[in-house]
Amino acid sequence: MRIQQNTRVTIVDAMANERLIPLAVLGASVAALGFALTAQYGFDLRPCDLCIYQRFPFALAGLLAVLVMVLPVSGRAKVWMITLCGLAFLVNSGIAAYHVGVEQHWWTASCSAEVVTDFTLEQMMADLERPAERPPCDQGSGTLLGMSIPSWNVPVSFFLGVAALIGARSLRRV
């Protein structure tokens, strides 16, 4: 009579797969950038400067994930590259939190709207002839389920950062 062992697999065990972690980082990065570009070009939501800044950490994490999957790097280099992905996501969460503060007028940013009180008709006409600039950062360009997009980016990027750091730690054990 054979006794079966408990073969329960935990999330951390599943993340120990060397290919799954960079693939998950790449998938999250592509999804986030795809969402931003679809909102911009598909739904005509113009991004402000801080919205654009929030795309760079996703692009960096995606690039690092591709390098981990394509290049023959050592285990230690993989750990460092996935750690950098996690840190990029955490930095992005900070940028998004700063953006939420600007939107809520808790603080100002250089890309916030300026109140102009003394303007002339000539200045208004000149402004109409210039190409459209980015919208001010303190005026949200869109919402999703009642929250601004940067408000969603704070917890999502934080979760991705923590998950990537846990993944990097699990790779150290492989």
N, C-alpha and C. Protein backbone atom coordinates (compact mmCIF):
# COMPACT_ATOMS: atom_id res chain seq x y z
N MET A 1 0.85 -1.18 0.00
CA MET A 1 0.00 0.00 0.00
C MET A 1 0.89 1.24 0.00
N ARG A 2 0.63 2.14 -0.97
CA ARG A 2 1.44 3.35 -1.08
C ARG A 2 0.76 4.51 -0.37
N ILE A 3 1.54 5.25 0.33
CA ILE A 3 1.03 6.46 0.99
C ILE A 3 1.43 7.65 0.14
N GLN A 4 0.46 8.46 -0.22
CA GLN A 4 0.76 9.64 -1.04
C GLN A 4 1.23 10.77 -0.16
N GLN A 5 2.25 11.43 -0.65
CA GLN A 5 2.74 12.61 0.06
C GLN A 5 1.90 13.81 -0.34
N ASN A 6 1.86 14.75 0.56
CA ASN A 6 1.15 16.00 0.27
C ASN A 6 1.99 16.79 -0.73
N THR A 7 1.45 17.05 -1.90
CA THR A 7 2.18 17.75 -2.95
C THR A 7 1.60 19.14 -3.18
N ARG A 8 1.26 19.80 -2.13
CA ARG A 8 0.69 21.14 -2.22
C ARG A 8 1.77 22.12 -2.67
N VAL A 9 1.44 22.94 -3.64
CA VAL A 9 2.38 23.92 -4.17
C VAL A 9 1.92 25.31 -3.72
N THR A 10 2.82 26.04 -3.12
CA THR A 10 2.48 27.40 -2.69
C THR A 10 2.82 28.38 -3.79
N ILE A 11 2.35 29.60 -3.64
CA ILE A 11 2.63 30.64 -4.63
C ILE A 11 4.14 30.90 -4.71
N VAL A 12 4.80 30.91 -3.57
CA VAL A 12 6.25 31.15 -3.57
C VAL A 12 6.97 30.04 -4.31
N ASP A 13 6.51 28.79 -4.15
CA ASP A 13 7.11 27.67 -4.88
C ASP A 13 6.91 27.84 -6.38
N ALA A 14 5.72 28.25 -6.77
CA ALA A 14 5.45 28.45 -8.20
C ALA A 14 6.30 29.59 -8.75
N MET A 15 6.55 30.62 -7.94
CA MET A 15 7.35 31.75 -8.40
C MET A 15 8.82 31.39 -8.53
N ALA A 16 9.21 30.28 -7.95
CA ALA A 16 10.62 29.89 -8.03
C ALA A 16 11.00 29.45 -9.44
N ASN A 17 10.03 29.27 -10.30
CA ASN A 17 10.31 28.95 -11.69
C ASN A 17 11.05 30.12 -12.32
N GLU A 18 12.23 29.85 -12.84
CA GLU A 18 13.08 30.93 -13.37
C GLU A 18 12.47 31.67 -14.54
N ARG A 19 11.60 31.03 -15.28
CA ARG A 19 10.99 31.68 -16.44
C ARG A 19 9.72 32.42 -16.09
N LEU A 20 9.02 31.96 -15.07
CA LEU A 20 7.73 32.55 -14.73
C LEU A 20 7.88 33.98 -14.21
N ILE A 21 8.88 34.24 -13.41
CA ILE A 21 9.01 35.56 -12.80
C ILE A 21 9.26 36.64 -13.83
N PRO A 22 10.28 36.52 -14.71
CA PRO A 22 10.44 37.58 -15.71
C PRO A 22 9.27 37.67 -16.68
N LEU A 23 8.62 36.54 -16.95
CA LEU A 23 7.46 36.56 -17.84
C LEU A 23 6.31 37.34 -17.19
N ALA A 24 6.12 37.16 -15.89
CA ALA A 24 5.08 37.90 -15.17
C ALA A 24 5.39 39.40 -15.14
N VAL A 25 6.67 39.75 -14.93
CA VAL A 25 7.07 41.16 -14.94
C VAL A 25 6.82 41.76 -16.32
N LEU A 26 7.22 41.04 -17.36
CA LEU A 26 7.00 41.52 -18.72
C LEU A 26 5.51 41.66 -19.01
N GLY A 27 4.71 40.68 -18.62
CA GLY A 27 3.27 40.74 -18.85
C GLY A 27 2.63 41.94 -18.16
N ALA A 28 3.01 42.19 -16.91
CA ALA A 28 2.47 43.33 -16.18
C ALA A 28 2.89 44.65 -16.84
N SER A 29 4.13 44.73 -17.27
CA SER A 29 4.63 45.95 -17.90
C SER A 29 3.93 46.21 -19.23
N VAL A 30 3.80 45.17 -20.04
CA VAL A 30 3.12 45.32 -21.34
C VAL A 30 1.65 45.68 -21.12
N ALA A 31 1.01 45.07 -20.14
CA ALA A 31 -0.39 45.37 -19.87
C ALA A 31 -0.56 46.83 -19.43
N ALA A 32 0.30 47.30 -18.55
CA ALA A 32 0.20 48.68 -18.08
C ALA A 32 0.45 49.68 -19.21
N LEU A 33 1.50 49.43 -19.99
CA LEU A 33 1.79 50.33 -21.11
C LEU A 33 0.69 50.25 -22.17
N GLY A 34 0.17 49.06 -22.40
CA GLY A 34 -0.93 48.89 -23.34
C GLY A 34 -2.18 49.64 -22.89
N PHE A 35 -2.46 49.59 -21.59
CA PHE A 35 -3.60 50.32 -21.04
C PHE A 35 -3.41 51.82 -21.24
N ALA A 36 -2.21 52.32 -20.93
CA ALA A 36 -1.95 53.76 -21.06
C ALA A 36 -2.06 54.21 -22.52
N LEU A 37 -1.49 53.44 -23.43
CA LEU A 37 -1.53 53.82 -24.84
C LEU A 37 -2.95 53.70 -25.42
N THR A 38 -3.70 52.70 -24.97
CA THR A 38 -5.09 52.57 -25.41
C THR A 38 -5.92 53.74 -24.91
N ALA A 39 -5.72 54.14 -23.66
CA ALA A 39 -6.43 55.29 -23.12
C ALA A 39 -6.08 56.56 -23.90
N GLN A 40 -4.80 56.69 -24.25
CA GLN A 40 -4.35 57.89 -24.95
C GLN A 40 -4.85 57.93 -26.39
N TYR A 41 -4.62 56.87 -27.15
CA TYR A 41 -4.94 56.89 -28.57
C TYR A 41 -6.32 56.34 -28.90
N GLY A 42 -6.81 55.41 -28.11
CA GLY A 42 -8.12 54.84 -28.37
C GLY A 42 -9.26 55.66 -27.80
N PHE A 43 -9.03 56.29 -26.65
CA PHE A 43 -10.08 57.05 -25.99
C PHE A 43 -9.76 58.54 -25.89
N ASP A 44 -8.69 58.96 -26.53
CA ASP A 44 -8.30 60.37 -26.62
C ASP A 44 -8.12 61.02 -25.25
N LEU A 45 -7.57 60.27 -24.29
CA LEU A 45 -7.22 60.85 -22.99
C LEU A 45 -5.79 61.34 -23.07
N ARG A 46 -5.62 62.64 -23.05
CA ARG A 46 -4.27 63.21 -23.17
C ARG A 46 -3.53 63.09 -21.84
N PRO A 47 -2.35 62.49 -21.86
CA PRO A 47 -1.58 62.34 -20.62
C PRO A 47 -0.84 63.63 -20.26
N CYS A 48 -0.75 63.89 -18.97
CA CYS A 48 0.06 65.03 -18.50
C CYS A 48 1.52 64.55 -18.34
N ASP A 49 2.37 65.45 -17.92
CA ASP A 49 3.79 65.10 -17.75
C ASP A 49 3.98 63.97 -16.74
N LEU A 50 3.27 64.03 -15.61
CA LEU A 50 3.43 62.98 -14.60
C LEU A 50 2.89 61.64 -15.10
N CYS A 51 1.87 61.67 -15.95
CA CYS A 51 1.37 60.42 -16.55
C CYS A 51 2.46 59.80 -17.42
N ILE A 52 3.16 60.63 -18.18
CA ILE A 52 4.24 60.14 -19.04
C ILE A 52 5.37 59.58 -18.18
N TYR A 53 5.70 60.27 -17.08
CA TYR A 53 6.78 59.80 -16.20
C TYR A 53 6.46 58.42 -15.63
N GLN A 54 5.17 58.13 -15.41
CA GLN A 54 4.79 56.84 -14.83
C GLN A 54 4.94 55.69 -15.82
N ARG A 55 5.16 55.99 -17.08
CA ARG A 55 5.36 54.94 -18.07
C ARG A 55 6.80 54.43 -18.08
N PHE A 56 7.75 55.26 -17.70
CA PHE A 56 9.17 54.88 -17.77
C PHE A 56 9.52 53.68 -16.89
N PRO A 57 9.06 53.61 -15.62
CA PRO A 57 9.39 52.41 -14.83
C PRO A 57 8.83 51.12 -15.42
N PHE A 58 7.64 51.19 -16.02
CA PHE A 58 7.09 50.00 -16.66
C PHE A 58 7.95 49.58 -17.86
N ALA A 59 8.39 50.57 -18.64
CA ALA A 59 9.25 50.26 -19.79
C ALA A 59 10.58 49.67 -19.32
N LEU A 60 11.16 50.23 -18.26
CA LEU A 60 12.42 49.72 -17.73
C LEU A 60 12.26 48.28 -17.22
N ALA A 61 11.21 48.04 -16.46
CA ALA A 61 10.98 46.69 -15.92
C ALA A 61 10.75 45.70 -17.06
N GLY A 62 10.00 46.10 -18.07
CA GLY A 62 9.77 45.22 -19.21
C GLY A 62 11.05 44.90 -19.96
N LEU A 63 11.89 45.91 -20.15
CA LEU A 63 13.17 45.70 -20.83
C LEU A 63 14.07 44.76 -20.03
N LEU A 64 14.15 44.98 -18.72
CA LEU A 64 14.96 44.09 -17.88
C LEU A 64 14.43 42.66 -17.91
N ALA A 65 13.11 42.51 -17.90
CA ALA A 65 12.52 41.17 -17.95
C ALA A 65 12.88 40.47 -19.26
N VAL A 66 12.83 41.21 -20.37
CA VAL A 66 13.21 40.63 -21.66
C VAL A 66 14.68 40.21 -21.64
N LEU A 67 15.53 41.05 -21.07
CA LEU A 67 16.96 40.71 -21.00
C LEU A 67 17.19 39.45 -20.17
N VAL A 68 16.46 39.32 -19.08
CA VAL A 68 16.59 38.13 -18.24
C VAL A 68 16.18 36.88 -19.02
N MET A 69 15.15 37.00 -19.84
CA MET A 69 14.66 35.83 -20.58
C MET A 69 15.52 35.50 -21.80
N VAL A 70 16.14 36.50 -22.40
CA VAL A 70 16.85 36.29 -23.67
C VAL A 70 18.35 36.05 -23.48
N LEU A 71 18.96 36.84 -22.61
CA LEU A 71 20.42 36.73 -22.44
C LEU A 71 20.79 35.58 -21.52
N PRO A 72 21.93 34.96 -21.78
CA PRO A 72 22.39 33.88 -20.89
C PRO A 72 23.07 34.48 -19.65
N VAL A 73 22.28 35.00 -18.73
CA VAL A 73 22.84 35.62 -17.52
C VAL A 73 22.86 34.61 -16.38
N SER A 74 23.76 34.84 -15.45
CA SER A 74 23.89 33.94 -14.30
C SER A 74 22.70 34.11 -13.36
N GLY A 75 22.56 33.18 -12.45
CA GLY A 75 21.48 33.25 -11.48
C GLY A 75 21.53 34.51 -10.63
N ARG A 76 22.74 34.90 -10.27
CA ARG A 76 22.90 36.11 -9.45
C ARG A 76 22.48 37.35 -10.23
N ALA A 77 22.83 37.41 -11.51
CA ALA A 77 22.44 38.56 -12.35
C ALA A 77 20.92 38.59 -12.51
N LYS A 78 20.29 37.42 -12.63
CA LYS A 78 18.83 37.38 -12.73
C LYS A 78 18.18 37.96 -11.48
N VAL A 79 18.73 37.59 -10.34
CA VAL A 79 18.19 38.10 -9.07
C VAL A 79 18.30 39.61 -9.04
N TRP A 80 19.44 40.15 -9.41
CA TRP A 80 19.63 41.60 -9.40
C TRP A 80 18.71 42.29 -10.40
N MET A 81 18.54 41.72 -11.57
CA MET A 81 17.69 42.36 -12.58
C MET A 81 16.22 42.34 -12.17
N ILE A 82 15.77 41.25 -11.59
CA ILE A 82 14.38 41.19 -11.11
C ILE A 82 14.21 42.11 -9.90
N THR A 83 15.23 42.22 -9.07
CA THR A 83 15.19 43.18 -7.95
C THR A 83 15.05 44.60 -8.48
N LEU A 84 15.78 44.93 -9.55
CA LEU A 84 15.65 46.26 -10.16
C LEU A 84 14.25 46.47 -10.71
N CYS A 85 13.65 45.43 -11.26
CA CYS A 85 12.26 45.52 -11.73
C CYS A 85 11.34 45.87 -10.56
N GLY A 86 11.52 45.18 -9.44
CA GLY A 86 10.70 45.46 -8.26
C GLY A 86 10.89 46.88 -7.77
N LEU A 87 12.13 47.34 -7.75
CA LEU A 87 12.39 48.72 -7.32
C LEU A 87 11.79 49.73 -8.29
N ALA A 88 11.82 49.42 -9.59
CA ALA A 88 11.21 50.32 -10.58
C ALA A 88 9.70 50.42 -10.34
N PHE A 89 9.06 49.30 -10.04
CA PHE A 89 7.62 49.33 -9.74
C PHE A 89 7.34 50.15 -8.48
N LEU A 90 8.18 49.99 -7.46
CA LEU A 90 7.98 50.76 -6.22
C LEU A 90 8.19 52.25 -6.44
N VAL A 91 9.20 52.61 -7.24
CA VAL A 91 9.40 54.02 -7.60
C VAL A 91 8.17 54.55 -8.34
N ASN A 92 7.63 53.73 -9.21
CA ASN A 92 6.43 54.13 -9.97
C ASN A 92 5.25 54.36 -9.03
N SER A 93 5.14 53.55 -8.00
CA SER A 93 4.08 53.75 -7.02
C SER A 93 4.25 55.11 -6.33
N GLY A 94 5.50 55.48 -6.06
CA GLY A 94 5.78 56.79 -5.46
C GLY A 94 5.44 57.94 -6.40
N ILE A 95 5.77 57.79 -7.68
CA ILE A 95 5.44 58.83 -8.66
C ILE A 95 3.92 58.97 -8.75
N ALA A 96 3.23 57.83 -8.77
CA ALA A 96 1.76 57.87 -8.84
C ALA A 96 1.17 58.52 -7.59
N ALA A 97 1.73 58.22 -6.42
CA ALA A 97 1.24 58.84 -5.18
C ALA A 97 1.45 60.35 -5.22
N TYR A 98 2.60 60.77 -5.71
CA TYR A 98 2.86 62.21 -5.88
C TYR A 98 1.83 62.82 -6.83
N HIS A 99 1.53 62.12 -7.92
CA HIS A 99 0.55 62.60 -8.90
C HIS A 99 -0.84 62.73 -8.27
N VAL A 100 -1.22 61.76 -7.45
CA VAL A 100 -2.50 61.84 -6.76
C VAL A 100 -2.53 63.08 -5.86
N GLY A 101 -1.44 63.35 -5.17
CA GLY A 101 -1.37 64.55 -4.33
C GLY A 101 -1.51 65.84 -5.13
N VAL A 102 -0.94 65.86 -6.32
CA VAL A 102 -1.08 67.03 -7.19
C VAL A 102 -2.53 67.16 -7.65
N GLU A 103 -3.14 66.03 -8.03
CA GLU A 103 -4.55 66.07 -8.46
C GLU A 103 -5.47 66.54 -7.33
N GLN A 104 -5.17 66.13 -6.11
CA GLN A 104 -6.01 66.50 -4.96
C GLN A 104 -5.66 67.88 -4.40
N HIS A 105 -4.67 68.53 -5.01
CA HIS A 105 -4.20 69.86 -4.58
C HIS A 105 -3.63 69.84 -3.16
N TRP A 106 -3.01 68.71 -2.79
CA TRP A 106 -2.31 68.64 -1.52
C TRP A 106 -0.98 69.36 -1.64
N TRP A 107 -0.42 69.39 -2.83
CA TRP A 107 0.80 70.12 -3.15
C TRP A 107 0.74 70.47 -4.63
N THR A 108 1.67 71.30 -5.06
CA THR A 108 1.68 71.70 -6.47
C THR A 108 2.90 71.11 -7.16
N ALA A 109 2.81 71.09 -8.46
CA ALA A 109 3.91 70.61 -9.29
C ALA A 109 4.13 71.63 -10.39
N SER A 110 5.29 71.56 -11.02
CA SER A 110 5.59 72.50 -12.09
C SER A 110 4.65 72.33 -13.27
N CYS A 111 3.99 71.19 -13.37
CA CYS A 111 3.07 70.96 -14.49
C CYS A 111 1.62 71.23 -14.11
N SER A 112 1.39 71.85 -12.94
CA SER A 112 0.03 72.19 -12.53
C SER A 112 -0.47 73.37 -13.35
N ALA A 113 -1.79 73.53 -13.37
CA ALA A 113 -2.39 74.63 -14.11
C ALA A 113 -2.06 75.96 -13.43
N GLU A 114 -1.81 76.94 -14.24
CA GLU A 114 -1.55 78.28 -13.72
C GLU A 114 -2.80 79.13 -13.92
N VAL A 115 -3.12 79.92 -12.91
CA VAL A 115 -4.26 80.82 -13.02
C VAL A 115 -3.74 82.14 -13.58
N VAL A 116 -4.25 82.50 -14.75
CA VAL A 116 -3.83 83.74 -15.41
C VAL A 116 -4.96 84.74 -15.27
N THR A 117 -4.65 85.88 -14.71
CA THR A 117 -5.68 86.90 -14.51
C THR A 117 -5.54 88.07 -15.48
N ASP A 118 -4.35 88.32 -15.95
CA ASP A 118 -4.15 89.45 -16.87
C ASP A 118 -3.73 88.93 -18.24
N PHE A 119 -4.69 88.83 -19.14
CA PHE A 119 -4.39 88.37 -20.48
C PHE A 119 -5.12 89.26 -21.48
N THR A 120 -4.61 89.26 -22.68
CA THR A 120 -5.19 90.09 -23.73
C THR A 120 -5.78 89.20 -24.81
N LEU A 121 -6.54 89.81 -25.67
CA LEU A 121 -7.13 89.09 -26.79
C LEU A 121 -6.04 88.54 -27.70
N GLU A 122 -4.95 89.29 -27.88
CA GLU A 122 -3.85 88.83 -28.72
C GLU A 122 -3.19 87.58 -28.13
N GLN A 123 -3.04 87.55 -26.81
CA GLN A 123 -2.46 86.37 -26.16
C GLN A 123 -3.36 85.15 -26.34
N MET A 124 -4.65 85.37 -26.22
CA MET A 124 -5.60 84.26 -26.41
C MET A 124 -5.54 83.73 -27.84
N MET A 125 -5.46 84.62 -28.83
CA MET A 125 -5.38 84.21 -30.22
C MET A 125 -4.08 83.44 -30.49
N ALA A 126 -2.97 83.91 -29.90
CA ALA A 126 -1.69 83.24 -30.07
C ALA A 126 -1.74 81.84 -29.44
N ASP A 127 -2.41 81.71 -28.30
CA ASP A 127 -2.55 80.41 -27.66
C ASP A 127 -3.35 79.44 -28.52
N LEU A 128 -4.35 79.95 -29.22
CA LEU A 128 -5.16 79.09 -30.08
C LEU A 128 -4.38 78.58 -31.29
N GLU A 129 -3.39 79.33 -31.74
CA GLU A 129 -2.62 78.93 -32.91
C GLU A 129 -1.49 77.95 -32.58
N ARG A 130 -1.12 77.87 -31.31
CA ARG A 130 -0.07 76.94 -30.92
C ARG A 130 -0.61 75.52 -30.87
N PRO A 131 0.26 74.53 -31.13
CA PRO A 131 -0.21 73.15 -31.00
C PRO A 131 -0.59 72.85 -29.55
N ALA A 132 -1.48 71.89 -29.40
CA ALA A 132 -1.97 71.52 -28.06
C ALA A 132 -0.83 71.03 -27.19
N GLU A 133 -0.77 71.54 -25.99
CA GLU A 133 0.24 71.10 -25.03
C GLU A 133 -0.38 70.02 -24.15
N ARG A 134 0.45 69.47 -23.31
CA ARG A 134 -0.05 68.47 -22.37
C ARG A 134 -0.99 69.16 -21.37
N PRO A 135 -1.98 68.43 -20.92
CA PRO A 135 -2.89 69.03 -19.92
C PRO A 135 -2.15 69.19 -18.58
N PRO A 136 -2.65 70.09 -17.74
CA PRO A 136 -2.03 70.26 -16.42
C PRO A 136 -2.16 68.99 -15.59
N CYS A 137 -1.17 68.76 -14.74
CA CYS A 137 -1.14 67.54 -13.93
C CYS A 137 -2.19 67.52 -12.81
N ASP A 138 -2.70 68.68 -12.45
CA ASP A 138 -3.67 68.71 -11.36
C ASP A 138 -5.11 68.53 -11.83
N GLN A 139 -5.29 68.33 -13.12
CA GLN A 139 -6.62 68.08 -13.67
C GLN A 139 -6.63 66.67 -14.25
N GLY A 140 -7.22 65.75 -13.55
CA GLY A 140 -7.23 64.37 -13.99
C GLY A 140 -7.86 64.22 -15.37
N SER A 141 -7.26 63.40 -16.20
CA SER A 141 -7.76 63.25 -17.56
C SER A 141 -8.78 62.12 -17.68
N GLY A 142 -8.86 61.26 -16.72
CA GLY A 142 -9.82 60.17 -16.81
C GLY A 142 -9.94 59.42 -15.50
N THR A 143 -11.05 58.72 -15.36
CA THR A 143 -11.28 57.91 -14.17
C THR A 143 -11.65 56.50 -14.58
N LEU A 144 -11.44 55.60 -13.68
CA LEU A 144 -11.81 54.20 -13.87
C LEU A 144 -12.50 53.75 -12.59
N LEU A 145 -13.76 53.42 -12.69
CA LEU A 145 -14.56 53.01 -11.53
C LEU A 145 -14.53 54.06 -10.42
N GLY A 146 -14.58 55.32 -10.82
CA GLY A 146 -14.67 56.42 -9.86
C GLY A 146 -13.35 56.92 -9.30
N MET A 147 -12.25 56.31 -9.67
CA MET A 147 -10.93 56.75 -9.19
C MET A 147 -10.08 57.18 -10.37
N SER A 148 -9.22 58.17 -10.13
CA SER A 148 -8.32 58.59 -11.20
C SER A 148 -7.33 57.46 -11.51
N ILE A 149 -6.82 57.48 -12.71
CA ILE A 149 -5.89 56.42 -13.12
C ILE A 149 -4.63 56.39 -12.25
N PRO A 150 -4.04 57.55 -11.89
CA PRO A 150 -2.91 57.49 -10.95
C PRO A 150 -3.28 56.89 -9.59
N SER A 151 -4.54 57.09 -9.16
CA SER A 151 -4.97 56.49 -7.89
C SER A 151 -4.95 54.97 -7.97
N TRP A 152 -5.26 54.42 -9.13
CA TRP A 152 -5.17 52.98 -9.32
C TRP A 152 -3.71 52.52 -9.40
N ASN A 153 -2.88 53.37 -10.00
CA ASN A 153 -1.48 52.99 -10.21
C ASN A 153 -0.71 52.85 -8.90
N VAL A 154 -1.11 53.59 -7.87
CA VAL A 154 -0.39 53.51 -6.58
C VAL A 154 -0.41 52.08 -6.03
N PRO A 155 -1.58 51.49 -5.78
CA PRO A 155 -1.55 50.13 -5.21
C PRO A 155 -1.10 49.07 -6.21
N VAL A 156 -1.43 49.26 -7.49
CA VAL A 156 -1.03 48.24 -8.49
C VAL A 156 0.49 48.18 -8.59
N SER A 157 1.13 49.34 -8.72
CA SER A 157 2.59 49.35 -8.82
C SER A 157 3.25 48.87 -7.53
N PHE A 158 2.65 49.22 -6.38
CA PHE A 158 3.20 48.75 -5.11
C PHE A 158 3.13 47.23 -5.04
N PHE A 159 1.97 46.66 -5.40
CA PHE A 159 1.81 45.20 -5.40
C PHE A 159 2.82 44.56 -6.35
N LEU A 160 2.96 45.11 -7.56
CA LEU A 160 3.91 44.55 -8.52
C LEU A 160 5.34 44.62 -7.99
N GLY A 161 5.67 45.72 -7.32
CA GLY A 161 7.01 45.86 -6.75
C GLY A 161 7.29 44.82 -5.69
N VAL A 162 6.35 44.65 -4.79
CA VAL A 162 6.52 43.66 -3.72
C VAL A 162 6.58 42.25 -4.31
N ALA A 163 5.71 41.97 -5.28
CA ALA A 163 5.71 40.64 -5.91
C ALA A 163 7.03 40.36 -6.62
N ALA A 164 7.56 41.37 -7.31
CA ALA A 164 8.84 41.17 -8.01
C ALA A 164 9.97 40.96 -7.01
N LEU A 165 9.95 41.67 -5.90
CA LEU A 165 11.00 41.48 -4.89
C LEU A 165 10.89 40.09 -4.24
N ILE A 166 9.67 39.63 -4.01
CA ILE A 166 9.49 38.26 -3.50
C ILE A 166 9.97 37.26 -4.53
N GLY A 167 9.67 37.52 -5.80
CA GLY A 167 10.15 36.65 -6.87
C GLY A 167 11.66 36.61 -6.96
N ALA A 168 12.30 37.78 -6.80
CA ALA A 168 13.76 37.83 -6.83
C ALA A 168 14.33 37.03 -5.66
N ARG A 169 13.69 37.14 -4.52
CA ARG A 169 14.16 36.40 -3.35
C ARG A 169 14.01 34.89 -3.55
N SER A 170 12.92 34.49 -4.20
CA SER A 170 12.72 33.06 -4.46
C SER A 170 13.74 32.55 -5.49
N LEU A 171 14.15 33.42 -6.42
CA LEU A 171 15.17 33.02 -7.38
C LEU A 171 16.52 32.79 -6.70
N ARG A 172 16.75 33.49 -5.61
CA ARG A 172 18.01 33.31 -4.88
C ARG A 172 18.13 31.89 -4.34
N ARG A 173 16.98 31.29 -4.04
CA ARG A 173 16.98 29.95 -3.46
C ARG A 173 17.10 28.87 -4.53
N VAL A 174 16.89 29.24 -5.78
CA VAL A 174 16.92 28.22 -6.86
C VAL A 174 18.34 27.85 -7.19
